Amino acid sequence: MHMPVLETDRLLIRPLALADLDVIHRILDVEQADAETGTAGAQSREQRRAWLEWSVMNYDQLAWMYQPPYGDRALVLKATGELIGAAGYVPALGPFGLLPSLRGGDSSASARRFTPEFGLYWQVALAHQRQGYASEAARALIDYAFAHLNLKRIIATTAHANLASIGVMRKAGMRIETNPESDPPWFQVVGIKDAEL
């Protein structure tokens, strides 16, 4: 399943290309080297190049295997063509049973087990933050996922201190739930959007 380019009022959400290396490295690894993204941290240009090559190949390989279109996509301003960030789908593994709405009848020990969910990711260049681009991209990705992937729900995770991401979750229509435990730090706050029946 190849995911098409998504279009919003102001953005194109397209596959990343090898030619995006310098810009995406600047946005993800230089400008926001200290940002808490739930990953191991900033990468060198060479590490980002390897990631970008893998990302580009990933689009075709996942489609070939009939898998969801996991991976980052470029956020591009329609008006100028400027690459301003990345957003996409990620496999999310976490202790989702700790969250009130996903707990079910699980015991405390069972609730701590890591289970998979379909996740959403975004990161926008510093110069373009606080302009609604992340929320616009998140809504488009959520709409596409529910319309074309037949998902039950989609989630996003962050730390308590990441108020901007929590705001994006809210603007994207996600309900916000808090992990009653402090660890893992990238799983302190979870946005959940259920498919409408």
N, C-alpha and C. Protein backbone atom coordinates (compact mmCIF):
# COMPACT_ATOMS: atom_id res chain seq x y z
N MET A 1 0.84 -1.17 0.00
CA MET A 1 0.00 0.00 0.00
C MET A 1 0.89 1.24 0.00
N HIS A 2 0.92 1.93 -1.10
CA HIS A 2 1.67 3.19 -1.18
C HIS A 2 0.78 4.32 -0.71
N MET A 3 1.31 5.13 0.17
CA MET A 3 0.57 6.28 0.67
C MET A 3 0.77 7.45 -0.28
N PRO A 4 -0.29 8.09 -0.72
CA PRO A 4 -0.15 9.22 -1.64
C PRO A 4 0.38 10.45 -0.90
N VAL A 5 0.76 11.45 -1.65
CA VAL A 5 1.08 12.75 -1.06
C VAL A 5 -0.22 13.30 -0.48
N LEU A 6 -0.18 13.72 0.77
CA LEU A 6 -1.36 14.31 1.41
C LEU A 6 -1.25 15.83 1.28
N GLU A 7 -2.39 16.46 1.10
CA GLU A 7 -2.41 17.90 0.93
C GLU A 7 -3.38 18.51 1.93
N THR A 8 -2.90 19.54 2.64
CA THR A 8 -3.75 20.31 3.55
C THR A 8 -3.83 21.73 3.00
N ASP A 9 -4.43 22.62 3.76
CA ASP A 9 -4.51 24.01 3.30
C ASP A 9 -3.14 24.60 3.01
N ARG A 10 -2.16 24.29 3.87
CA ARG A 10 -0.85 24.93 3.73
C ARG A 10 0.31 23.98 3.46
N LEU A 11 0.07 22.67 3.56
CA LEU A 11 1.17 21.71 3.52
C LEU A 11 0.98 20.64 2.46
N LEU A 12 2.11 20.12 2.00
CA LEU A 12 2.18 18.83 1.31
C LEU A 12 2.91 17.89 2.25
N ILE A 13 2.38 16.71 2.42
CA ILE A 13 3.03 15.68 3.23
C ILE A 13 3.44 14.60 2.25
N ARG A 14 4.72 14.59 1.92
CA ARG A 14 5.22 13.74 0.85
C ARG A 14 6.33 12.83 1.36
N PRO A 15 6.66 11.79 0.58
CA PRO A 15 7.79 10.95 0.97
C PRO A 15 9.07 11.78 1.03
N LEU A 16 9.93 11.43 1.95
CA LEU A 16 11.26 12.04 1.98
C LEU A 16 12.04 11.57 0.77
N ALA A 17 13.00 12.37 0.34
CA ALA A 17 13.88 12.04 -0.79
C ALA A 17 15.33 12.19 -0.33
N LEU A 18 16.23 11.50 -1.01
CA LEU A 18 17.64 11.59 -0.64
C LEU A 18 18.15 13.02 -0.70
N ALA A 19 17.59 13.83 -1.57
CA ALA A 19 18.01 15.23 -1.70
C ALA A 19 17.62 16.06 -0.48
N ASP A 20 16.80 15.51 0.41
CA ASP A 20 16.38 16.23 1.62
C ASP A 20 17.39 16.15 2.76
N LEU A 21 18.50 15.45 2.57
CA LEU A 21 19.42 15.16 3.67
C LEU A 21 19.85 16.40 4.44
N ASP A 22 20.39 17.41 3.78
CA ASP A 22 20.93 18.55 4.51
C ASP A 22 19.86 19.25 5.34
N VAL A 23 18.69 19.44 4.77
CA VAL A 23 17.63 20.16 5.48
C VAL A 23 17.09 19.32 6.63
N ILE A 24 16.83 18.05 6.39
CA ILE A 24 16.24 17.23 7.45
C ILE A 24 17.24 17.00 8.58
N HIS A 25 18.53 16.90 8.25
CA HIS A 25 19.56 16.78 9.28
C HIS A 25 19.61 18.06 10.12
N ARG A 26 19.53 19.21 9.47
CA ARG A 26 19.54 20.48 10.21
C ARG A 26 18.34 20.56 11.15
N ILE A 27 17.15 20.19 10.65
CA ILE A 27 15.93 20.30 11.46
C ILE A 27 15.95 19.31 12.63
N LEU A 28 16.22 18.04 12.34
CA LEU A 28 16.09 17.00 13.36
C LEU A 28 17.28 16.88 14.29
N ASP A 29 18.48 17.16 13.79
CA ASP A 29 19.68 16.86 14.56
C ASP A 29 20.49 18.06 15.01
N VAL A 30 20.40 19.17 14.29
CA VAL A 30 21.18 20.35 14.66
C VAL A 30 20.32 21.31 15.47
N GLU A 31 19.23 21.79 14.86
CA GLU A 31 18.36 22.75 15.54
C GLU A 31 17.76 22.19 16.82
N GLN A 32 17.38 20.93 16.78
CA GLN A 32 16.64 20.35 17.90
C GLN A 32 17.41 19.20 18.55
N ALA A 33 18.72 19.38 18.63
CA ALA A 33 19.58 18.33 19.18
C ALA A 33 19.19 17.95 20.60
N ASP A 34 18.70 18.91 21.37
CA ASP A 34 18.36 18.65 22.76
C ASP A 34 16.88 18.38 22.99
N ALA A 35 16.09 18.34 21.92
CA ALA A 35 14.66 18.11 22.06
C ALA A 35 14.40 16.69 22.54
N GLU A 36 13.41 16.54 23.40
CA GLU A 36 13.01 15.22 23.88
C GLU A 36 12.02 14.63 22.89
N THR A 37 12.49 13.68 22.08
CA THR A 37 11.64 13.11 21.04
C THR A 37 11.31 11.64 21.28
N GLY A 38 11.81 11.09 22.36
CA GLY A 38 11.55 9.67 22.62
C GLY A 38 12.50 8.76 21.87
N THR A 39 13.55 9.34 21.28
CA THR A 39 14.56 8.54 20.58
C THR A 39 15.89 8.66 21.33
N ALA A 40 16.90 8.02 20.78
CA ALA A 40 18.22 8.04 21.41
C ALA A 40 18.91 9.39 21.29
N GLY A 41 18.34 10.31 20.53
CA GLY A 41 18.92 11.65 20.43
C GLY A 41 19.38 12.00 19.03
N ALA A 42 20.07 13.13 18.96
CA ALA A 42 20.54 13.64 17.66
C ALA A 42 21.51 12.68 17.01
N GLN A 43 21.49 12.69 15.68
CA GLN A 43 22.38 11.84 14.90
C GLN A 43 23.40 12.70 14.15
N SER A 44 24.51 12.08 13.82
CA SER A 44 25.49 12.75 12.96
C SER A 44 24.91 12.81 11.55
N ARG A 45 25.53 13.61 10.69
CA ARG A 45 25.05 13.69 9.31
C ARG A 45 25.12 12.31 8.65
N GLU A 46 26.16 11.56 8.91
CA GLU A 46 26.30 10.23 8.31
C GLU A 46 25.22 9.28 8.82
N GLN A 47 24.92 9.34 10.11
CA GLN A 47 23.84 8.51 10.66
C GLN A 47 22.50 8.91 10.06
N ARG A 48 22.27 10.22 9.91
CA ARG A 48 21.01 10.68 9.32
C ARG A 48 20.92 10.27 7.86
N ARG A 49 22.05 10.27 7.15
CA ARG A 49 22.05 9.83 5.75
C ARG A 49 21.62 8.37 5.67
N ALA A 50 22.17 7.52 6.53
CA ALA A 50 21.80 6.09 6.54
C ALA A 50 20.31 5.93 6.87
N TRP A 51 19.83 6.71 7.84
CA TRP A 51 18.41 6.68 8.19
C TRP A 51 17.54 7.10 7.01
N LEU A 52 17.97 8.15 6.31
CA LEU A 52 17.19 8.66 5.18
C LEU A 52 17.15 7.62 4.04
N GLU A 53 18.28 6.98 3.76
CA GLU A 53 18.29 5.92 2.73
C GLU A 53 17.35 4.80 3.13
N TRP A 54 17.39 4.39 4.39
CA TRP A 54 16.49 3.35 4.88
C TRP A 54 15.04 3.81 4.75
N SER A 55 14.77 5.06 5.12
CA SER A 55 13.40 5.59 5.05
C SER A 55 12.86 5.56 3.63
N VAL A 56 13.68 5.98 2.68
CA VAL A 56 13.25 6.01 1.28
C VAL A 56 12.98 4.60 0.77
N MET A 57 13.85 3.66 1.09
CA MET A 57 13.64 2.26 0.68
C MET A 57 12.43 1.65 1.39
N ASN A 58 12.20 2.08 2.61
CA ASN A 58 11.12 1.55 3.44
C ASN A 58 9.75 1.73 2.79
N TYR A 59 9.53 2.86 2.10
CA TYR A 59 8.23 3.11 1.48
C TYR A 59 7.84 1.95 0.55
N ASP A 60 8.74 1.57 -0.34
CA ASP A 60 8.44 0.50 -1.30
C ASP A 60 8.41 -0.86 -0.63
N GLN A 61 9.33 -1.10 0.30
CA GLN A 61 9.39 -2.42 0.92
C GLN A 61 8.14 -2.71 1.76
N LEU A 62 7.68 -1.73 2.51
CA LEU A 62 6.45 -1.95 3.30
C LEU A 62 5.25 -2.17 2.38
N ALA A 63 5.16 -1.39 1.32
CA ALA A 63 4.05 -1.57 0.37
C ALA A 63 4.11 -2.96 -0.26
N TRP A 64 5.29 -3.40 -0.62
CA TRP A 64 5.48 -4.73 -1.23
C TRP A 64 5.01 -5.84 -0.29
N MET A 65 5.19 -5.63 1.03
CA MET A 65 4.79 -6.63 2.02
C MET A 65 3.37 -6.41 2.54
N TYR A 66 2.62 -5.46 1.92
CA TYR A 66 1.25 -5.15 2.36
C TYR A 66 1.20 -4.72 3.83
N GLN A 67 2.18 -3.94 4.23
CA GLN A 67 2.24 -3.44 5.60
C GLN A 67 1.85 -1.96 5.64
N PRO A 68 1.51 -1.45 6.81
CA PRO A 68 1.14 -0.03 6.91
C PRO A 68 2.30 0.86 6.46
N PRO A 69 1.98 2.07 6.03
CA PRO A 69 3.01 2.99 5.53
C PRO A 69 3.77 3.68 6.66
N TYR A 70 4.41 2.85 7.51
CA TYR A 70 5.22 3.40 8.60
C TYR A 70 6.36 4.25 8.04
N GLY A 71 6.76 5.22 8.80
CA GLY A 71 7.92 6.03 8.44
C GLY A 71 7.59 7.50 8.36
N ASP A 72 8.65 8.28 8.35
CA ASP A 72 8.52 9.73 8.29
C ASP A 72 8.21 10.20 6.88
N ARG A 73 7.50 11.30 6.81
CA ARG A 73 7.22 11.99 5.56
C ARG A 73 7.68 13.44 5.72
N ALA A 74 8.00 14.08 4.62
CA ALA A 74 8.43 15.48 4.64
C ALA A 74 7.22 16.39 4.76
N LEU A 75 7.33 17.41 5.59
CA LEU A 75 6.33 18.47 5.66
C LEU A 75 6.85 19.63 4.84
N VAL A 76 6.13 19.97 3.79
CA VAL A 76 6.58 20.98 2.83
C VAL A 76 5.51 22.07 2.71
N LEU A 77 5.95 23.32 2.78
CA LEU A 77 5.01 24.43 2.59
C LEU A 77 4.57 24.47 1.14
N LYS A 78 3.26 24.45 0.91
CA LYS A 78 2.75 24.50 -0.47
C LYS A 78 3.14 25.81 -1.16
N ALA A 79 3.12 26.90 -0.44
CA ALA A 79 3.36 28.21 -1.04
C ALA A 79 4.79 28.39 -1.54
N THR A 80 5.77 27.77 -0.85
CA THR A 80 7.18 28.02 -1.19
C THR A 80 7.96 26.76 -1.57
N GLY A 81 7.45 25.58 -1.21
CA GLY A 81 8.19 24.34 -1.44
C GLY A 81 9.24 24.06 -0.38
N GLU A 82 9.27 24.88 0.67
CA GLU A 82 10.28 24.71 1.72
C GLU A 82 9.94 23.51 2.61
N LEU A 83 10.94 22.66 2.84
CA LEU A 83 10.83 21.54 3.76
C LEU A 83 10.96 22.10 5.18
N ILE A 84 9.91 21.91 6.00
CA ILE A 84 9.91 22.51 7.33
C ILE A 84 9.83 21.49 8.47
N GLY A 85 9.81 20.21 8.16
CA GLY A 85 9.76 19.22 9.23
C GLY A 85 9.44 17.84 8.71
N ALA A 86 9.12 16.97 9.65
CA ALA A 86 8.79 15.59 9.31
C ALA A 86 7.63 15.14 10.19
N ALA A 87 6.83 14.26 9.65
CA ALA A 87 5.73 13.66 10.40
C ALA A 87 5.45 12.31 9.77
N GLY A 88 4.84 11.44 10.52
CA GLY A 88 4.51 10.15 9.95
C GLY A 88 3.99 9.17 10.97
N TYR A 89 3.97 7.92 10.55
CA TYR A 89 3.46 6.83 11.36
C TYR A 89 4.62 6.01 11.91
N VAL A 90 4.48 5.60 13.17
CA VAL A 90 5.52 4.79 13.80
C VAL A 90 4.86 3.63 14.54
N PRO A 91 5.52 2.47 14.53
CA PRO A 91 5.04 1.42 15.42
C PRO A 91 5.36 1.86 16.84
N ALA A 92 4.38 1.87 17.72
CA ALA A 92 4.57 2.33 19.09
C ALA A 92 4.45 1.15 20.04
N LEU A 93 5.47 0.97 20.84
CA LEU A 93 5.48 -0.12 21.81
C LEU A 93 5.57 0.50 23.19
N GLY A 94 4.60 0.23 24.03
CA GLY A 94 4.60 0.83 25.36
C GLY A 94 3.66 0.10 26.29
N PRO A 95 3.69 0.48 27.57
CA PRO A 95 2.81 -0.14 28.56
C PRO A 95 1.41 0.49 28.52
N PHE A 96 0.71 0.29 27.42
CA PHE A 96 -0.58 0.93 27.20
C PHE A 96 -1.64 0.50 28.21
N GLY A 97 -1.47 -0.65 28.82
CA GLY A 97 -2.41 -1.10 29.83
C GLY A 97 -2.42 -0.25 31.09
N LEU A 98 -1.41 0.63 31.25
CA LEU A 98 -1.38 1.53 32.39
C LEU A 98 -2.36 2.69 32.24
N LEU A 99 -2.82 2.93 31.02
CA LEU A 99 -3.72 4.05 30.76
C LEU A 99 -5.15 3.66 31.10
N PRO A 100 -5.87 4.56 31.74
CA PRO A 100 -7.23 4.21 32.20
C PRO A 100 -8.13 3.63 31.11
N SER A 101 -8.17 4.23 29.93
CA SER A 101 -9.11 3.76 28.91
C SER A 101 -8.66 2.49 28.20
N LEU A 102 -7.40 2.13 28.34
CA LEU A 102 -6.89 0.94 27.65
C LEU A 102 -6.58 -0.20 28.61
N ARG A 103 -6.85 -0.01 29.89
CA ARG A 103 -6.49 -0.98 30.90
C ARG A 103 -7.29 -2.26 30.79
N GLY A 104 -8.57 -2.15 30.55
CA GLY A 104 -9.41 -3.35 30.53
C GLY A 104 -9.40 -3.98 31.90
N GLY A 105 -9.41 -5.28 31.96
CA GLY A 105 -9.41 -5.99 33.24
C GLY A 105 -8.03 -6.49 33.63
N ASP A 106 -7.00 -5.91 33.04
CA ASP A 106 -5.64 -6.40 33.30
C ASP A 106 -5.21 -6.17 34.74
N SER A 107 -4.42 -7.11 35.24
CA SER A 107 -3.81 -6.95 36.54
C SER A 107 -2.71 -5.89 36.44
N SER A 108 -2.22 -5.45 37.56
CA SER A 108 -1.17 -4.44 37.58
C SER A 108 0.07 -4.91 36.82
N ALA A 109 0.47 -6.15 37.03
CA ALA A 109 1.66 -6.67 36.35
C ALA A 109 1.42 -6.78 34.85
N SER A 110 0.26 -7.24 34.47
CA SER A 110 -0.06 -7.37 33.05
C SER A 110 -0.15 -6.01 32.37
N ALA A 111 -0.66 -5.01 33.08
CA ALA A 111 -0.80 -3.67 32.52
C ALA A 111 0.55 -3.06 32.17
N ARG A 112 1.61 -3.46 32.85
CA ARG A 112 2.96 -2.94 32.60
C ARG A 112 3.64 -3.57 31.38
N ARG A 113 3.05 -4.62 30.86
CA ARG A 113 3.66 -5.26 29.68
C ARG A 113 3.56 -4.33 28.48
N PHE A 114 4.59 -4.32 27.68
CA PHE A 114 4.60 -3.48 26.49
C PHE A 114 3.80 -4.17 25.39
N THR A 115 2.89 -3.43 24.79
CA THR A 115 2.06 -3.91 23.69
C THR A 115 2.15 -2.92 22.54
N PRO A 116 1.87 -3.37 21.31
CA PRO A 116 1.99 -2.47 20.16
C PRO A 116 0.72 -1.65 19.91
N GLU A 117 0.93 -0.45 19.42
CA GLU A 117 -0.14 0.44 18.95
C GLU A 117 0.38 1.14 17.69
N PHE A 118 -0.53 1.75 16.97
CA PHE A 118 -0.19 2.51 15.77
C PHE A 118 0.04 3.96 16.19
N GLY A 119 1.27 4.43 16.00
CA GLY A 119 1.65 5.74 16.52
C GLY A 119 1.80 6.81 15.47
N LEU A 120 1.78 8.04 15.95
CA LEU A 120 1.91 9.24 15.13
C LEU A 120 3.10 10.04 15.64
N TYR A 121 3.85 10.63 14.73
CA TYR A 121 5.06 11.39 15.07
C TYR A 121 5.06 12.70 14.29
N TRP A 122 5.65 13.76 14.86
CA TRP A 122 5.85 15.02 14.14
C TRP A 122 7.01 15.77 14.76
N GLN A 123 7.69 16.55 13.94
CA GLN A 123 8.72 17.47 14.40
C GLN A 123 8.85 18.58 13.36
N VAL A 124 8.78 19.82 13.80
CA VAL A 124 8.77 20.97 12.91
C VAL A 124 9.98 21.85 13.22
N ALA A 125 10.58 22.42 12.18
CA ALA A 125 11.72 23.31 12.34
C ALA A 125 11.38 24.45 13.29
N LEU A 126 12.36 24.90 14.05
CA LEU A 126 12.13 25.93 15.06
C LEU A 126 11.48 27.18 14.47
N ALA A 127 11.91 27.61 13.31
CA ALA A 127 11.38 28.83 12.70
C ALA A 127 9.91 28.71 12.32
N HIS A 128 9.39 27.50 12.26
CA HIS A 128 8.01 27.28 11.83
C HIS A 128 7.12 26.72 12.93
N GLN A 129 7.64 26.65 14.15
CA GLN A 129 6.82 26.17 15.26
C GLN A 129 5.83 27.25 15.69
N ARG A 130 4.79 26.80 16.39
CA ARG A 130 3.73 27.67 16.93
C ARG A 130 2.94 28.39 15.83
N GLN A 131 2.85 27.73 14.68
CA GLN A 131 2.06 28.27 13.57
C GLN A 131 0.98 27.27 13.13
N GLY A 132 0.84 26.18 13.88
CA GLY A 132 -0.21 25.21 13.60
C GLY A 132 0.14 24.16 12.56
N TYR A 133 1.39 24.13 12.09
CA TYR A 133 1.76 23.15 11.06
C TYR A 133 1.72 21.71 11.58
N ALA A 134 2.21 21.49 12.80
CA ALA A 134 2.20 20.12 13.35
C ALA A 134 0.77 19.62 13.52
N SER A 135 -0.12 20.48 14.01
CA SER A 135 -1.52 20.08 14.18
C SER A 135 -2.18 19.79 12.84
N GLU A 136 -1.89 20.61 11.86
CA GLU A 136 -2.45 20.42 10.51
C GLU A 136 -1.99 19.09 9.92
N ALA A 137 -0.70 18.79 10.08
CA ALA A 137 -0.16 17.53 9.58
C ALA A 137 -0.74 16.35 10.35
N ALA A 138 -0.82 16.47 11.67
CA ALA A 138 -1.36 15.38 12.49
C ALA A 138 -2.79 15.07 12.10
N ARG A 139 -3.60 16.09 11.91
CA ARG A 139 -5.01 15.84 11.51
C ARG A 139 -5.08 15.13 10.16
N ALA A 140 -4.24 15.56 9.20
CA ALA A 140 -4.25 14.92 7.88
C ALA A 140 -3.82 13.46 7.97
N LEU A 141 -2.80 13.18 8.77
CA LEU A 141 -2.34 11.80 8.92
C LEU A 141 -3.38 10.95 9.65
N ILE A 142 -4.03 11.51 10.65
CA ILE A 142 -5.09 10.78 11.35
C ILE A 142 -6.24 10.47 10.39
N ASP A 143 -6.67 11.48 9.65
CA ASP A 143 -7.77 11.27 8.70
C ASP A 143 -7.43 10.19 7.68
N TYR A 144 -6.21 10.24 7.14
CA TYR A 144 -5.79 9.23 6.16
C TYR A 144 -5.78 7.83 6.80
N ALA A 145 -5.22 7.73 8.00
CA ALA A 145 -5.11 6.42 8.66
C ALA A 145 -6.48 5.80 8.91
N PHE A 146 -7.43 6.59 9.35
CA PHE A 146 -8.76 6.04 9.61
C PHE A 146 -9.50 5.72 8.31
N ALA A 147 -9.34 6.55 7.30
CA ALA A 147 -10.06 6.34 6.04
C ALA A 147 -9.49 5.20 5.21
N HIS A 148 -8.16 4.99 5.28
CA HIS A 148 -7.54 4.04 4.35
C HIS A 148 -6.88 2.84 5.01
N LEU A 149 -6.62 2.91 6.30
CA LEU A 149 -5.96 1.79 6.98
C LEU A 149 -6.90 1.04 7.90
N ASN A 150 -8.13 1.55 8.07
CA ASN A 150 -9.15 0.88 8.87
C ASN A 150 -8.69 0.63 10.31
N LEU A 151 -8.04 1.61 10.89
CA LEU A 151 -7.51 1.47 12.25
C LEU A 151 -8.60 1.61 13.30
N LYS A 152 -8.38 0.98 14.42
CA LYS A 152 -9.25 1.13 15.58
C LYS A 152 -8.92 2.42 16.32
N ARG A 153 -7.59 2.74 16.42
CA ARG A 153 -7.16 3.96 17.09
C ARG A 153 -5.74 4.30 16.64
N ILE A 154 -5.36 5.52 16.95
CA ILE A 154 -4.01 6.00 16.69
C ILE A 154 -3.55 6.75 17.94
N ILE A 155 -2.26 6.66 18.26
CA ILE A 155 -1.76 7.29 19.49
C ILE A 155 -0.55 8.16 19.20
N ALA A 156 -0.22 9.01 20.17
CA ALA A 156 1.03 9.78 20.16
C ALA A 156 1.49 9.86 21.61
N THR A 157 2.78 9.88 21.84
CA THR A 157 3.31 9.90 23.20
C THR A 157 4.30 11.05 23.38
N THR A 158 4.43 11.51 24.62
CA THR A 158 5.40 12.56 24.93
C THR A 158 5.64 12.61 26.43
N ALA A 159 6.51 13.52 26.84
CA ALA A 159 6.81 13.76 28.25
C ALA A 159 5.90 14.87 28.79
N HIS A 160 5.73 14.91 30.12
CA HIS A 160 4.91 15.95 30.75
C HIS A 160 5.36 17.35 30.35
N ALA A 161 6.66 17.56 30.22
CA ALA A 161 7.20 18.90 29.96
C ALA A 161 6.97 19.37 28.53
N ASN A 162 6.60 18.46 27.62
CA ASN A 162 6.46 18.84 26.21
C ASN A 162 5.04 19.37 25.97
N LEU A 163 4.81 20.58 26.44
CA LEU A 163 3.48 21.18 26.34
C LEU A 163 3.07 21.43 24.89
N ALA A 164 4.05 21.71 24.02
CA ALA A 164 3.74 21.93 22.60
C ALA A 164 3.15 20.67 21.98
N SER A 165 3.75 19.51 22.25
CA SER A 165 3.22 18.26 21.69
C SER A 165 1.86 17.93 22.27
N ILE A 166 1.67 18.20 23.54
CA ILE A 166 0.37 17.95 24.15
C ILE A 166 -0.68 18.85 23.49
N GLY A 167 -0.29 20.09 23.17
CA GLY A 167 -1.19 20.99 22.46
C GLY A 167 -1.55 20.47 21.08
N VAL A 168 -0.56 19.92 20.38
CA VAL A 168 -0.82 19.34 19.05
C VAL A 168 -1.81 18.18 19.18
N MET A 169 -1.61 17.34 20.18
CA MET A 169 -2.52 16.22 20.40
C MET A 169 -3.96 16.73 20.57
N ARG A 170 -4.11 17.74 21.41
CA ARG A 170 -5.46 18.29 21.65
C ARG A 170 -6.06 18.85 20.37
N LYS A 171 -5.28 19.64 19.62
CA LYS A 171 -5.78 20.25 18.39
C LYS A 171 -6.12 19.20 17.34
N ALA A 172 -5.45 18.06 17.42
CA ALA A 172 -5.72 16.97 16.48
C ALA A 172 -6.92 16.13 16.92
N GLY A 173 -7.54 16.51 18.02
CA GLY A 173 -8.73 15.80 18.48
C GLY A 173 -8.46 14.59 19.34
N MET A 174 -7.24 14.46 19.85
CA MET A 174 -6.91 13.32 20.70
C MET A 174 -7.33 13.59 22.13
N ARG A 175 -7.75 12.56 22.83
CA ARG A 175 -7.96 12.70 24.26
C ARG A 175 -6.60 12.46 24.92
N ILE A 176 -6.36 13.16 25.99
CA ILE A 176 -5.07 13.10 26.67
C ILE A 176 -5.19 12.23 27.91
N GLU A 177 -4.29 11.25 28.03
CA GLU A 177 -4.25 10.41 29.22
C GLU A 177 -2.83 10.44 29.77
N THR A 178 -2.75 10.27 31.07
CA THR A 178 -1.47 10.34 31.76
C THR A 178 -1.10 8.98 32.31
N ASN A 179 0.14 8.59 32.08
CA ASN A 179 0.67 7.37 32.65
C ASN A 179 0.80 7.60 34.16
N PRO A 180 0.23 6.76 35.00
CA PRO A 180 0.34 6.98 36.44
C PRO A 180 1.77 6.77 36.96
N GLU A 181 2.63 6.21 36.14
CA GLU A 181 4.03 6.02 36.51
C GLU A 181 4.89 7.01 35.73
N SER A 182 6.05 7.36 36.21
CA SER A 182 6.88 8.37 35.56
C SER A 182 7.76 7.80 34.44
N ASP A 183 7.89 6.50 34.38
CA ASP A 183 8.73 5.88 33.36
C ASP A 183 7.91 4.99 32.46
N PRO A 184 8.29 4.88 31.22
CA PRO A 184 9.37 5.60 30.55
C PRO A 184 9.00 7.07 30.32
N PRO A 185 9.99 7.97 30.28
CA PRO A 185 9.70 9.41 30.19
C PRO A 185 8.96 9.81 28.91
N TRP A 186 9.19 9.14 27.83
CA TRP A 186 8.50 9.47 26.57
C TRP A 186 7.06 8.96 26.56
N PHE A 187 6.66 8.27 27.63
CA PHE A 187 5.32 7.69 27.73
C PHE A 187 4.54 8.30 28.90
N GLN A 188 4.91 9.50 29.32
CA GLN A 188 4.23 10.12 30.45
C GLN A 188 2.84 10.63 30.06
N VAL A 189 2.71 11.13 28.83
CA VAL A 189 1.44 11.63 28.33
C VAL A 189 1.16 10.94 27.01
N VAL A 190 -0.06 10.46 26.85
CA VAL A 190 -0.44 9.76 25.62
C VAL A 190 -1.70 10.39 25.05
N GLY A 191 -1.64 10.77 23.78
CA GLY A 191 -2.82 11.22 23.07
C GLY A 191 -3.44 10.03 22.36
N ILE A 192 -4.72 9.88 22.46
CA ILE A 192 -5.42 8.74 21.85
C ILE A 192 -6.58 9.26 21.03
N LYS A 193 -6.65 8.80 19.80
CA LYS A 193 -7.78 9.14 18.92
C LYS A 193 -8.38 7.82 18.46
N ASP A 194 -9.63 7.58 18.83
CA ASP A 194 -10.33 6.38 18.41
C ASP A 194 -11.06 6.63 17.10
N ALA A 195 -11.19 5.59 16.31
CA ALA A 195 -11.97 5.70 15.07
C ALA A 195 -13.42 5.96 15.43
N GLU A 196 -14.06 6.76 14.63
CA GLU A 196 -15.48 7.02 14.83
C GLU A 196 -16.28 5.88 14.23
N LEU A 197 -17.26 5.41 14.96
CA LEU A 197 -18.07 4.28 14.49
C LEU A 197 -19.18 4.74 13.61
